[in-house]
PDB file of N, CA and C in Angstrom:
ATOM      1  N   MET A   1       5.130  -0.390  17.600  1.00  0.00           N
ATOM      2  CA  MET A   1       4.249   0.564  16.977  1.00  0.00           C
ATOM      3  C   MET A   1       3.749  -0.019  15.657  1.00  0.00           C
ATOM      4  N   LEU A   2       2.503   0.255  15.346  1.00  0.00           N
ATOM      5  CA  LEU A   2       1.858  -0.250  14.140  1.00  0.00           C
ATOM      6  C   LEU A   2       1.677   0.888  13.142  1.00  0.00           C
ATOM      7  N   ILE A   3       2.085   0.660  11.903  1.00  0.00           N
ATOM      8  CA  ILE A   3       1.906   1.630  10.825  1.00  0.00           C
ATOM      9  C   ILE A   3       0.936   1.024   9.829  1.00  0.00           C
ATOM     10  N   GLY A   4      -0.101   1.781   9.462  1.00  0.00           N
ATOM     11  CA  GLY A   4      -1.106   1.300   8.524  1.00  0.00           C
ATOM     12  C   GLY A   4      -0.928   1.898   7.144  1.00  0.00           C
ATOM     13  N   VAL A   5      -1.174   1.091   6.124  1.00  0.00           N
ATOM     14  CA  VAL A   5      -1.124   1.546   4.735  1.00  0.00           C
ATOM     15  C   VAL A   5      -2.512   1.303   4.142  1.00  0.00           C
ATOM     16  N   PRO A   6      -3.337   2.358   4.043  1.00  0.00           N
ATOM     17  CA  PRO A   6      -4.689   2.183   3.511  1.00  0.00           C
ATOM     18  C   PRO A   6      -4.711   2.217   1.987  1.00  0.00           C
ATOM     19  N   ARG A   7      -5.763   1.659   1.408  1.00  0.00           N
ATOM     20  CA  ARG A   7      -5.962   1.808  -0.028  1.00  0.00           C
ATOM     21  C   ARG A   7      -6.668   3.143  -0.245  1.00  0.00           C
ATOM     22  N   GLU A   8      -6.500   3.719  -1.411  1.00  0.00           N
ATOM     23  CA  GLU A   8      -7.134   4.996  -1.718  1.00  0.00           C
ATOM     24  C   GLU A   8      -8.589   4.771  -2.112  1.00  0.00           C
ATOM     25  N   LEU A   9      -9.451   5.719  -1.767  1.00  0.00           N
ATOM     26  CA  LEU A   9     -10.876   5.576  -2.031  1.00  0.00           C
ATOM     27  C   LEU A   9     -11.374   6.458  -3.172  1.00  0.00           C
ATOM     28  N   LEU A  10     -10.581   7.433  -3.602  1.00  0.00           N
ATOM     29  CA  LEU A  10     -11.018   8.345  -4.654  1.00  0.00           C
ATOM     30  C   LEU A  10     -11.018   7.648  -6.013  1.00  0.00           C
ATOM     31  N   ASP A  11     -12.002   7.947  -6.838  1.00  0.00           N
ATOM     32  CA  ASP A  11     -12.065   7.377  -8.189  1.00  0.00           C
ATOM     33  C   ASP A  11     -10.821   7.760  -8.976  1.00  0.00           C
ATOM     34  N   GLY A  12     -10.222   6.804  -9.634  1.00  0.00           N
ATOM     35  CA  GLY A  12      -9.052   7.056 -10.458  1.00  0.00           C
ATOM     36  C   GLY A  12      -7.744   7.130  -9.699  1.00  0.00           C
ATOM     37  N   GLU A  13      -7.783   7.096  -8.394  1.00  0.00           N
ATOM     38  CA  GLU A  13      -6.553   7.171  -7.595  1.00  0.00           C
ATOM     39  C   GLU A  13      -5.986   5.772  -7.442  1.00  0.00           C
ATOM     40  N   THR A  14      -4.753   5.579  -7.891  1.00  0.00           N
ATOM     41  CA  THR A  14      -4.161   4.243  -7.851  1.00  0.00           C
ATOM     42  C   THR A  14      -2.906   4.171  -6.997  1.00  0.00           C
ATOM     43  N   ARG A  15      -2.483   5.300  -6.445  1.00  0.00           N
ATOM     44  CA  ARG A  15      -1.248   5.295  -5.655  1.00  0.00           C
ATOM     45  C   ARG A  15      -1.482   4.695  -4.270  1.00  0.00           C
ATOM     46  N   VAL A  16      -0.430   4.179  -3.691  1.00  0.00           N
ATOM     47  CA  VAL A  16      -0.454   3.718  -2.308  1.00  0.00           C
ATOM     48  C   VAL A  16       0.683   4.400  -1.566  1.00  0.00           C
ATOM     49  N   ALA A  17       0.596   4.416  -0.259  1.00  0.00           N
ATOM     50  CA  ALA A  17       1.561   5.151   0.555  1.00  0.00           C
ATOM     51  C   ALA A  17       2.863   4.397   0.784  1.00  0.00           C
ATOM     52  N   ALA A  18       2.960   3.162   0.308  1.00  0.00           N
ATOM     53  CA  ALA A  18       4.176   2.376   0.545  1.00  0.00           C
ATOM     54  C   ALA A  18       4.370   1.381  -0.592  1.00  0.00           C
ATOM     55  N   THR A  19       5.596   0.943  -0.741  1.00  0.00           N
ATOM     56  CA  THR A  19       5.934  -0.108  -1.704  1.00  0.00           C
ATOM     57  C   THR A  19       6.457  -1.300  -0.912  1.00  0.00           C
ATOM     58  N   PRO A  20       6.572  -2.453  -1.536  1.00  0.00           N
ATOM     59  CA  PRO A  20       7.151  -3.581  -0.810  1.00  0.00           C
ATOM     60  C   PRO A  20       8.529  -3.248  -0.222  1.00  0.00           C
ATOM     61  N   LYS A  21       9.330  -2.487  -0.957  1.00  0.00           N
ATOM     62  CA  LYS A  21      10.664  -2.124  -0.466  1.00  0.00           C
ATOM     63  C   LYS A  21      10.586  -1.225   0.769  1.00  0.00           C
ATOM     64  N   THR A  22       9.704  -0.226   0.756  1.00  0.00           N
ATOM     65  CA  THR A  22       9.616   0.654   1.925  1.00  0.00           C
ATOM     66  C   THR A  22       9.023  -0.073   3.125  1.00  0.00           C
ATOM     67  N   VAL A  23       8.110  -1.013   2.877  1.00  0.00           N
ATOM     68  CA  VAL A  23       7.565  -1.804   3.987  1.00  0.00           C
ATOM     69  C   VAL A  23       8.674  -2.631   4.625  1.00  0.00           C
ATOM     70  N   GLU A  24       9.531  -3.232   3.809  1.00  0.00           N
ATOM     71  CA  GLU A  24      10.674  -3.987   4.350  1.00  0.00           C
ATOM     72  C   GLU A  24      11.554  -3.093   5.214  1.00  0.00           C
ATOM     73  N   GLN A  25      11.841  -1.892   4.728  1.00  0.00           N
ATOM     74  CA  GLN A  25      12.700  -0.969   5.468  1.00  0.00           C
ATOM     75  C   GLN A  25      12.065  -0.571   6.798  1.00  0.00           C
ATOM     76  N   ILE A  26      10.777  -0.302   6.781  1.00  0.00           N
ATOM     77  CA  ILE A  26      10.064   0.070   8.005  1.00  0.00           C
ATOM     78  C   ILE A  26      10.091  -1.086   9.002  1.00  0.00           C
ATOM     79  N   LYS A  27       9.872  -2.312   8.515  1.00  0.00           N
ATOM     80  CA  LYS A  27       9.886  -3.477   9.399  1.00  0.00           C
ATOM     81  C   LYS A  27      11.265  -3.710  10.006  1.00  0.00           C
ATOM     82  N   LYS A  28      12.325  -3.441   9.233  1.00  0.00           N
ATOM     83  CA  LYS A  28      13.683  -3.589   9.761  1.00  0.00           C
ATOM     84  C   LYS A  28      13.957  -2.613  10.900  1.00  0.00           C
ATOM     85  N   LEU A  29      13.217  -1.509  10.934  1.00  0.00           N
ATOM     86  CA  LEU A  29      13.351  -0.535  12.022  1.00  0.00           C
ATOM     87  C   LEU A  29      12.576  -0.962  13.271  1.00  0.00           C
ATOM     88  N   GLY A  30      11.859  -2.082  13.182  1.00  0.00           N
ATOM     89  CA  GLY A  30      11.161  -2.614  14.343  1.00  0.00           C
ATOM     90  C   GLY A  30       9.674  -2.310  14.395  1.00  0.00           C
ATOM     91  N   PHE A  31       9.130  -1.713  13.346  1.00  0.00           N
ATOM     92  CA  PHE A  31       7.708  -1.403  13.315  1.00  0.00           C
ATOM     93  C   PHE A  31       6.929  -2.562  12.707  1.00  0.00           C
ATOM     94  N   ASP A  32       5.661  -2.674  13.077  1.00  0.00           N
ATOM     95  CA  ASP A  32       4.748  -3.600  12.419  1.00  0.00           C
ATOM     96  C   ASP A  32       4.010  -2.808  11.348  1.00  0.00           C
ATOM     97  N   VAL A  33       3.711  -3.448  10.220  1.00  0.00           N
ATOM     98  CA  VAL A  33       3.037  -2.771   9.118  1.00  0.00           C
ATOM     99  C   VAL A  33       1.783  -3.554   8.751  1.00  0.00           C
ATOM    100  N   LEU A  34       0.668  -2.848   8.699  1.00  0.00           N
ATOM    101  CA  LEU A  34      -0.608  -3.435   8.309  1.00  0.00           C
ATOM    102  C   LEU A  34      -1.024  -2.792   6.991  1.00  0.00           C
ATOM    103  N   VAL A  35      -1.204  -3.602   5.951  1.00  0.00           N
ATOM    104  CA  VAL A  35      -1.581  -3.105   4.630  1.00  0.00           C
ATOM    105  C   VAL A  35      -3.026  -3.509   4.367  1.00  0.00           C
ATOM    106  N   GLU A  36      -3.865  -2.522   4.047  1.00  0.00           N
ATOM    107  CA  GLU A  36      -5.271  -2.798   3.790  1.00  0.00           C
ATOM    108  C   GLU A  36      -5.429  -3.689   2.557  1.00  0.00           C
ATOM    109  N   GLN A  37      -6.382  -4.602   2.624  1.00  0.00           N
ATOM    110  CA  GLN A  37      -6.641  -5.512   1.506  1.00  0.00           C
ATOM    111  C   GLN A  37      -6.906  -4.715   0.233  1.00  0.00           C
ATOM    112  N   ASP A  38      -6.337  -5.147  -0.865  1.00  0.00           N
ATOM    113  CA  ASP A  38      -6.474  -4.551  -2.197  1.00  0.00           C
ATOM    114  C   ASP A  38      -5.712  -3.246  -2.376  1.00  0.00           C
ATOM    115  N   ALA A  39      -4.950  -2.816  -1.397  1.00  0.00           N
ATOM    116  CA  ALA A  39      -4.123  -1.621  -1.576  1.00  0.00           C
ATOM    117  C   ALA A  39      -3.038  -1.933  -2.594  1.00  0.00           C
ATOM    118  N   GLY A  40      -2.911  -1.086  -3.594  1.00  0.00           N
ATOM    119  CA  GLY A  40      -1.859  -1.253  -4.584  1.00  0.00           C
ATOM    120  C   GLY A  40      -2.152  -2.234  -5.700  1.00  0.00           C
ATOM    121  N   LEU A  41      -3.380  -2.676  -5.841  1.00  0.00           N
ATOM    122  CA  LEU A  41      -3.676  -3.638  -6.903  1.00  0.00           C
ATOM    123  C   LEU A  41      -3.760  -2.997  -8.281  1.00  0.00           C
ATOM    124  N   LYS A  42      -4.145  -1.741  -8.364  1.00  0.00           N
ATOM    125  CA  LYS A  42      -4.313  -1.092  -9.657  1.00  0.00           C
ATOM    126  C   LYS A  42      -3.033  -0.500 -10.242  1.00  0.00           C
ATOM    127  N   PRO A  43      -2.049  -0.107  -9.442  1.00  0.00           N
ATOM    128  CA  PRO A  43      -0.844   0.477 -10.046  1.00  0.00           C
ATOM    129  C   PRO A  43      -0.026  -0.550 -10.832  1.00  0.00           C
ATOM    130  N   VAL A  44       1.119  -0.131 -11.278  1.00  0.00           N
ATOM    131  CA  VAL A  44       2.010  -0.989 -12.056  1.00  0.00           C
ATOM    132  C   VAL A  44       2.379  -2.243 -11.277  1.00  0.00           C
ATOM    133  N   LEU A  45       2.515  -2.137  -9.964  1.00  0.00           N
ATOM    134  CA  LEU A  45       2.863  -3.295  -9.139  1.00  0.00           C
ATOM    135  C   LEU A  45       1.612  -4.149  -8.957  1.00  0.00           C
ATOM    136  N   LYS A  46       1.441  -5.137  -9.797  1.00  0.00           N
ATOM    137  CA  LYS A  46       0.223  -5.939  -9.749  1.00  0.00           C
ATOM    138  C   LYS A  46       0.269  -7.020  -8.680  1.00  0.00           C
ATOM    139  N   ILE A  47       1.442  -7.575  -8.411  1.00  0.00           N
ATOM    140  CA  ILE A  47       1.572  -8.599  -7.379  1.00  0.00           C
ATOM    141  C   ILE A  47       2.458  -8.023  -6.288  1.00  0.00           C
ATOM    142  N   ILE A  48       1.880  -7.864  -5.108  1.00  0.00           N
ATOM    143  CA  ILE A  48       2.616  -7.243  -4.011  1.00  0.00           C
ATOM    144  C   ILE A  48       2.706  -8.229  -2.855  1.00  0.00           C
ATOM    145  N   HIS A  49       3.902  -8.500  -2.414  1.00  0.00           N
ATOM    146  CA  HIS A  49       4.116  -9.377  -1.262  1.00  0.00           C
ATOM    147  C   HIS A  49       4.686  -8.540  -0.129  1.00  0.00           C
ATOM    148  N   PHE A  50       3.924  -8.395   0.928  1.00  0.00           N
ATOM    149  CA  PHE A  50       4.394  -7.663   2.093  1.00  0.00           C
ATOM    150  C   PHE A  50       4.763  -8.699   3.098  1.00  0.00           C
TER     151      PHE A  50
END
């Protein structure tokens, strides 16, 4: 099963639906995770490795 993490489109919205830690946990459960390009670039987590 594939789980997608989109970037937010609303002005001023910087949150994302997942963190690197939660993506790792989801992958350990056997799911594939697709993260949209530039998702999470504006929040405190500036460098994200999925």
